[in-house]
Amino acid sequence: MSLDVSLMLYVDAGGPEMERIEVFWANITHNLNKMAEEAGIYNACWRPEEIGVKLAGDIAGLLEVGLTYLKARPEHFKKFDSPNGWGKYEHFVPWVEKYLEACKRFPKATIVVSR
């Protein structure tokens, strides 16, 4: 099982409906859910709709704080590495960094998650 996150922009392309353009996509294993929870970013990543979030800019601050926690205590968070090797701290930190960067770059993008 995994998590897919996309950031979508909607543009008027002159047709009857707004055109949807994917400006970011990333995938990560669901095995990192406990690490995300411990860092305080599980809902921001896996279930933004449950915290009333629709736009990328609305989770940038949460991701930034969580990333700070992750980087400040790597040995603590490595305790949450998946025993089977699918989902490790060394994979999650760069994933969060890229997601945060995209959220800052496209703050008005709509978040779409698939779990």
Foldseek 3Di string as FASTA:
>chain_A
DKKKKWWWDWDCPPDPGTDIDTPDIDMAHPLCLVLCVVLVCNCVRANVVVVVDWWLLVCLVVLVSSLVVCVVCVVVSQVSADPVRRRGSVVVNVVSVVSSVVCVVGRGTTMDMDD
